[in-house]
Amino acid sequence: MINPVVWFEVLGQNADNLRSFYHELLGWEFNTDNPLNYGVVEAPNGGIGGGVGEVLEGRGWTTFYTKVSDLDACVQRARDMGSRVLLPINDLPGGRLAVVTDPEGNPVGLCADL
């Protein structure tokens, strides 16, 4: 896979309820020791790590993040293809990310250096 999926994310109105659901259903353990109370779940045995947290505004989503070599160019290419940008490029301590839509309106996460 040229641009591998490297992270997943579930965002909603009540992060504590979401984390309780995934913990009870799948046994996931979360580390929320961060300023945003974002629940990071580690992925042992070759799985993909991810996070469960609260959406900052609007409706929540479940998405995956694909690592790309040039995030700016990839977001622009998505725009040129008719995608909406749901989350503009954000610089985070571990890298940069953005969320665009696919042709059906589903969120698609893009990241660099995560």
N, C-alpha and C. Protein backbone atom coordinates (compact mmCIF):
# COMPACT_ATOMS: atom_id res chain seq x y z
N MET A 1 0.85 -1.17 0.00
CA MET A 1 0.00 0.00 0.00
C MET A 1 0.90 1.23 0.00
N ILE A 2 0.74 2.10 -0.97
CA ILE A 2 1.59 3.29 -1.09
C ILE A 2 1.34 4.27 0.05
N ASN A 3 0.08 4.55 0.35
CA ASN A 3 -0.29 5.47 1.42
C ASN A 3 -1.06 4.68 2.47
N PRO A 4 -0.38 4.15 3.48
CA PRO A 4 -1.02 3.24 4.43
C PRO A 4 -1.94 3.95 5.42
N VAL A 5 -2.96 3.24 5.87
CA VAL A 5 -3.81 3.70 6.96
C VAL A 5 -2.98 3.58 8.24
N VAL A 6 -2.87 4.66 9.00
CA VAL A 6 -2.00 4.67 10.18
C VAL A 6 -2.73 5.02 11.48
N TRP A 7 -3.99 5.43 11.39
CA TRP A 7 -4.71 5.87 12.59
C TRP A 7 -6.19 5.82 12.32
N PHE A 8 -7.00 5.58 13.33
CA PHE A 8 -8.45 5.72 13.19
C PHE A 8 -8.92 6.70 14.25
N GLU A 9 -10.14 7.22 14.05
CA GLU A 9 -10.66 8.17 15.01
C GLU A 9 -12.18 8.07 15.06
N VAL A 10 -12.71 8.15 16.27
CA VAL A 10 -14.15 8.20 16.50
C VAL A 10 -14.40 9.46 17.33
N LEU A 11 -15.17 10.40 16.79
CA LEU A 11 -15.49 11.63 17.49
C LEU A 11 -17.00 11.75 17.63
N GLY A 12 -17.44 12.26 18.77
CA GLY A 12 -18.86 12.44 19.00
C GLY A 12 -19.11 13.50 20.05
N GLN A 13 -20.37 13.63 20.44
CA GLN A 13 -20.77 14.66 21.40
C GLN A 13 -20.36 14.33 22.83
N ASN A 14 -20.24 13.03 23.16
CA ASN A 14 -19.91 12.63 24.54
C ASN A 14 -18.81 11.57 24.50
N ALA A 15 -17.58 12.02 24.64
CA ALA A 15 -16.42 11.12 24.53
C ALA A 15 -16.43 10.04 25.60
N ASP A 16 -16.86 10.39 26.82
CA ASP A 16 -16.88 9.39 27.89
C ASP A 16 -17.83 8.24 27.55
N ASN A 17 -19.01 8.55 27.00
CA ASN A 17 -19.94 7.50 26.60
C ASN A 17 -19.38 6.65 25.46
N LEU A 18 -18.73 7.30 24.52
CA LEU A 18 -18.13 6.55 23.41
C LEU A 18 -17.05 5.61 23.92
N ARG A 19 -16.19 6.11 24.77
CA ARG A 19 -15.11 5.27 25.29
C ARG A 19 -15.68 4.12 26.13
N SER A 20 -16.71 4.38 26.91
CA SER A 20 -17.35 3.30 27.68
C SER A 20 -17.91 2.22 26.75
N PHE A 21 -18.54 2.64 25.66
CA PHE A 21 -19.09 1.70 24.69
C PHE A 21 -17.99 0.81 24.11
N TYR A 22 -16.91 1.43 23.60
CA TYR A 22 -15.84 0.65 22.97
C TYR A 22 -15.08 -0.20 23.99
N HIS A 23 -14.98 0.28 25.22
CA HIS A 23 -14.34 -0.52 26.27
C HIS A 23 -15.18 -1.76 26.57
N GLU A 24 -16.48 -1.56 26.76
CA GLU A 24 -17.36 -2.68 27.11
C GLU A 24 -17.50 -3.66 25.94
N LEU A 25 -17.63 -3.12 24.73
CA LEU A 25 -17.83 -3.98 23.56
C LEU A 25 -16.55 -4.70 23.14
N LEU A 26 -15.42 -3.98 23.10
CA LEU A 26 -14.19 -4.53 22.52
C LEU A 26 -13.03 -4.67 23.51
N GLY A 27 -13.22 -4.19 24.73
CA GLY A 27 -12.16 -4.28 25.73
C GLY A 27 -11.04 -3.27 25.56
N TRP A 28 -11.28 -2.23 24.77
CA TRP A 28 -10.25 -1.23 24.54
C TRP A 28 -9.97 -0.44 25.81
N GLU A 29 -8.69 -0.18 26.08
CA GLU A 29 -8.26 0.65 27.20
C GLU A 29 -7.75 1.97 26.63
N PHE A 30 -8.12 3.08 27.26
CA PHE A 30 -7.79 4.40 26.74
C PHE A 30 -6.86 5.16 27.68
N ASN A 31 -5.94 5.92 27.10
CA ASN A 31 -5.10 6.86 27.84
C ASN A 31 -5.62 8.25 27.52
N THR A 32 -6.17 8.93 28.53
CA THR A 32 -6.71 10.28 28.33
C THR A 32 -5.85 11.34 28.99
N ASP A 33 -4.59 11.01 29.25
CA ASP A 33 -3.69 11.94 29.92
C ASP A 33 -3.15 12.97 28.92
N ASN A 34 -4.02 13.88 28.50
CA ASN A 34 -3.65 14.94 27.57
C ASN A 34 -4.63 16.10 27.76
N PRO A 35 -4.29 17.29 27.31
CA PRO A 35 -5.14 18.47 27.55
C PRO A 35 -6.55 18.37 26.97
N LEU A 36 -6.75 17.63 25.90
CA LEU A 36 -8.07 17.54 25.26
C LEU A 36 -8.91 16.38 25.78
N ASN A 37 -8.37 15.58 26.73
CA ASN A 37 -9.08 14.40 27.23
C ASN A 37 -9.40 13.46 26.07
N TYR A 38 -8.52 13.42 25.10
CA TYR A 38 -8.66 12.57 23.92
C TYR A 38 -8.19 11.18 24.30
N GLY A 39 -9.04 10.18 24.10
CA GLY A 39 -8.71 8.82 24.51
C GLY A 39 -7.92 8.07 23.46
N VAL A 40 -6.65 7.88 23.70
CA VAL A 40 -5.78 7.16 22.77
C VAL A 40 -5.80 5.68 23.13
N VAL A 41 -6.02 4.84 22.14
CA VAL A 41 -5.99 3.39 22.33
C VAL A 41 -4.81 2.83 21.55
N GLU A 42 -3.95 2.10 22.24
CA GLU A 42 -2.78 1.49 21.61
C GLU A 42 -3.22 0.24 20.86
N ALA A 43 -2.44 -0.15 19.90
CA ALA A 43 -2.78 -1.31 19.08
C ALA A 43 -1.66 -2.34 19.11
N PRO A 44 -1.69 -3.24 20.08
CA PRO A 44 -0.67 -4.29 20.09
C PRO A 44 -0.93 -5.30 18.97
N ASN A 45 0.02 -6.15 18.72
CA ASN A 45 -0.14 -7.25 17.75
C ASN A 45 -0.37 -6.77 16.33
N GLY A 46 0.23 -5.65 15.94
CA GLY A 46 0.18 -5.20 14.56
C GLY A 46 -1.07 -4.46 14.16
N GLY A 47 -1.96 -4.13 15.09
CA GLY A 47 -3.16 -3.38 14.75
C GLY A 47 -2.86 -1.90 14.56
N ILE A 48 -3.87 -1.16 14.19
CA ILE A 48 -3.75 0.28 13.98
C ILE A 48 -4.26 0.99 15.22
N GLY A 49 -3.46 1.88 15.79
CA GLY A 49 -3.88 2.66 16.94
C GLY A 49 -4.87 3.73 16.54
N GLY A 50 -5.52 4.30 17.55
CA GLY A 50 -6.49 5.34 17.24
C GLY A 50 -6.89 6.12 18.46
N GLY A 51 -7.95 6.90 18.30
CA GLY A 51 -8.42 7.72 19.38
C GLY A 51 -9.92 7.91 19.36
N VAL A 52 -10.46 8.16 20.55
CA VAL A 52 -11.89 8.42 20.71
C VAL A 52 -12.01 9.68 21.55
N GLY A 53 -12.72 10.67 21.02
CA GLY A 53 -12.85 11.94 21.73
C GLY A 53 -14.09 12.70 21.33
N GLU A 54 -14.17 13.93 21.82
CA GLU A 54 -15.30 14.80 21.52
C GLU A 54 -15.00 15.65 20.30
N VAL A 55 -16.03 15.82 19.48
CA VAL A 55 -15.92 16.70 18.32
C VAL A 55 -15.91 18.14 18.82
N LEU A 56 -15.09 18.98 18.22
CA LEU A 56 -14.99 20.37 18.66
C LEU A 56 -16.20 21.19 18.23
N GLU A 57 -16.74 20.89 17.06
CA GLU A 57 -17.95 21.55 16.58
C GLU A 57 -18.59 20.67 15.51
N GLY A 58 -19.88 20.83 15.29
CA GLY A 58 -20.57 20.04 14.29
C GLY A 58 -20.84 18.62 14.76
N ARG A 59 -21.13 17.76 13.80
CA ARG A 59 -21.43 16.38 14.13
C ARG A 59 -20.16 15.55 14.19
N GLY A 60 -20.22 14.45 14.90
CA GLY A 60 -19.07 13.57 15.03
C GLY A 60 -18.84 12.75 13.77
N TRP A 61 -17.80 11.95 13.80
CA TRP A 61 -17.50 11.07 12.68
C TRP A 61 -16.63 9.93 13.13
N THR A 62 -16.59 8.92 12.30
CA THR A 62 -15.64 7.82 12.42
C THR A 62 -14.87 7.80 11.12
N THR A 63 -13.56 7.82 11.22
CA THR A 63 -12.75 7.86 10.00
C THR A 63 -11.41 7.17 10.22
N PHE A 64 -10.68 7.05 9.16
CA PHE A 64 -9.32 6.54 9.19
C PHE A 64 -8.41 7.63 8.66
N TYR A 65 -7.15 7.59 9.04
CA TYR A 65 -6.17 8.54 8.54
C TYR A 65 -5.14 7.80 7.71
N THR A 66 -4.92 8.31 6.51
CA THR A 66 -3.95 7.75 5.59
C THR A 66 -2.73 8.66 5.54
N LYS A 67 -1.56 8.06 5.68
CA LYS A 67 -0.32 8.84 5.64
C LYS A 67 0.03 9.17 4.19
N VAL A 68 0.28 10.45 3.94
CA VAL A 68 0.65 10.92 2.61
C VAL A 68 1.96 11.69 2.71
N SER A 69 2.69 11.75 1.61
CA SER A 69 3.99 12.41 1.64
C SER A 69 3.88 13.94 1.59
N ASP A 70 2.86 14.47 0.94
CA ASP A 70 2.68 15.92 0.82
C ASP A 70 1.24 16.26 1.15
N LEU A 71 0.99 16.60 2.41
CA LEU A 71 -0.38 16.84 2.87
C LEU A 71 -1.02 18.03 2.16
N ASP A 72 -0.29 19.11 1.99
CA ASP A 72 -0.85 20.29 1.33
C ASP A 72 -1.32 19.95 -0.09
N ALA A 73 -0.49 19.25 -0.84
CA ALA A 73 -0.83 18.88 -2.21
C ALA A 73 -2.01 17.90 -2.24
N CYS A 74 -2.05 16.99 -1.28
CA CYS A 74 -3.12 16.00 -1.26
C CYS A 74 -4.47 16.66 -0.95
N VAL A 75 -4.49 17.58 0.01
CA VAL A 75 -5.73 18.30 0.33
C VAL A 75 -6.17 19.12 -0.88
N GLN A 76 -5.24 19.78 -1.55
CA GLN A 76 -5.60 20.55 -2.74
C GLN A 76 -6.14 19.65 -3.85
N ARG A 77 -5.52 18.48 -4.02
CA ARG A 77 -5.99 17.53 -5.03
C ARG A 77 -7.41 17.09 -4.71
N ALA A 78 -7.70 16.83 -3.43
CA ALA A 78 -9.05 16.46 -3.02
C ALA A 78 -10.04 17.58 -3.35
N ARG A 79 -9.66 18.82 -3.05
CA ARG A 79 -10.52 19.96 -3.40
C ARG A 79 -10.79 20.00 -4.90
N ASP A 80 -9.73 19.83 -5.68
CA ASP A 80 -9.86 19.85 -7.14
C ASP A 80 -10.79 18.75 -7.63
N MET A 81 -10.86 17.66 -6.89
CA MET A 81 -11.74 16.53 -7.26
C MET A 81 -13.16 16.71 -6.75
N GLY A 82 -13.44 17.82 -6.05
CA GLY A 82 -14.78 18.10 -5.56
C GLY A 82 -15.02 17.82 -4.10
N SER A 83 -13.99 17.45 -3.36
CA SER A 83 -14.14 17.18 -1.93
C SER A 83 -14.36 18.47 -1.16
N ARG A 84 -15.08 18.33 -0.06
CA ARG A 84 -15.18 19.41 0.92
C ARG A 84 -14.11 19.16 1.97
N VAL A 85 -13.59 20.22 2.52
CA VAL A 85 -12.62 20.09 3.62
C VAL A 85 -13.40 20.21 4.92
N LEU A 86 -13.48 19.10 5.66
CA LEU A 86 -14.20 19.09 6.93
C LEU A 86 -13.33 19.63 8.06
N LEU A 87 -12.04 19.38 7.97
CA LEU A 87 -11.08 19.87 8.97
C LEU A 87 -9.84 20.33 8.21
N PRO A 88 -9.59 21.64 8.22
CA PRO A 88 -8.39 22.13 7.52
C PRO A 88 -7.12 21.57 8.14
N ILE A 89 -6.02 21.71 7.45
CA ILE A 89 -4.74 21.21 7.95
C ILE A 89 -4.45 21.79 9.33
N ASN A 90 -4.17 20.89 10.26
CA ASN A 90 -3.81 21.25 11.63
C ASN A 90 -2.41 20.74 11.92
N ASP A 91 -1.61 21.58 12.55
CA ASP A 91 -0.28 21.18 13.00
C ASP A 91 -0.39 20.73 14.44
N LEU A 92 -0.04 19.48 14.70
CA LEU A 92 -0.10 18.89 16.04
C LEU A 92 1.31 18.50 16.48
N PRO A 93 1.50 18.23 17.75
CA PRO A 93 2.84 17.84 18.21
C PRO A 93 3.43 16.64 17.45
N GLY A 94 2.60 15.68 17.05
CA GLY A 94 3.11 14.50 16.37
C GLY A 94 3.09 14.56 14.86
N GLY A 95 2.56 15.62 14.29
CA GLY A 95 2.47 15.71 12.84
C GLY A 95 1.37 16.66 12.41
N ARG A 96 0.94 16.50 11.17
CA ARG A 96 -0.09 17.37 10.59
C ARG A 96 -1.22 16.49 10.08
N LEU A 97 -2.47 17.01 10.15
CA LEU A 97 -3.59 16.24 9.64
C LEU A 97 -4.68 17.14 9.11
N ALA A 98 -5.54 16.55 8.28
CA ALA A 98 -6.71 17.23 7.72
C ALA A 98 -7.76 16.16 7.44
N VAL A 99 -9.01 16.59 7.26
CA VAL A 99 -10.09 15.65 6.92
C VAL A 99 -10.85 16.24 5.74
N VAL A 100 -11.00 15.43 4.69
CA VAL A 100 -11.76 15.80 3.50
C VAL A 100 -12.89 14.78 3.32
N THR A 101 -13.75 15.00 2.33
CA THR A 101 -14.82 14.04 2.06
C THR A 101 -14.53 13.23 0.80
N ASP A 102 -15.09 12.02 0.79
CA ASP A 102 -15.05 11.22 -0.43
C ASP A 102 -16.29 11.58 -1.27
N PRO A 103 -16.50 10.96 -2.45
CA PRO A 103 -17.65 11.33 -3.29
C PRO A 103 -19.01 11.11 -2.62
N GLU A 104 -19.10 10.27 -1.59
CA GLU A 104 -20.36 10.03 -0.89
C GLU A 104 -20.51 10.94 0.33
N GLY A 105 -19.52 11.79 0.60
CA GLY A 105 -19.58 12.67 1.75
C GLY A 105 -18.98 12.10 3.02
N ASN A 106 -18.40 10.89 2.94
CA ASN A 106 -17.76 10.27 4.11
C ASN A 106 -16.45 10.99 4.42
N PRO A 107 -16.13 11.11 5.71
CA PRO A 107 -14.85 11.76 6.06
C PRO A 107 -13.67 10.84 5.76
N VAL A 108 -12.59 11.44 5.24
CA VAL A 108 -11.35 10.73 4.96
C VAL A 108 -10.21 11.53 5.59
N GLY A 109 -9.54 10.95 6.55
CA GLY A 109 -8.43 11.63 7.21
C GLY A 109 -7.14 11.47 6.41
N LEU A 110 -6.39 12.55 6.35
CA LEU A 110 -5.09 12.55 5.70
C LEU A 110 -4.08 13.09 6.70
N CYS A 111 -2.89 12.50 6.74
CA CYS A 111 -1.90 12.97 7.71
C CYS A 111 -0.49 12.85 7.15
N ALA A 112 0.39 13.59 7.79
CA ALA A 112 1.81 13.53 7.49
C ALA A 112 2.56 13.49 8.81
N ASP A 113 3.51 12.61 8.91
CA ASP A 113 4.39 12.50 10.09
C ASP A 113 3.68 12.10 11.37
N LEU A 114 2.61 11.32 11.30
CA LEU A 114 1.97 10.80 12.52
C LEU A 114 2.56 9.46 12.85
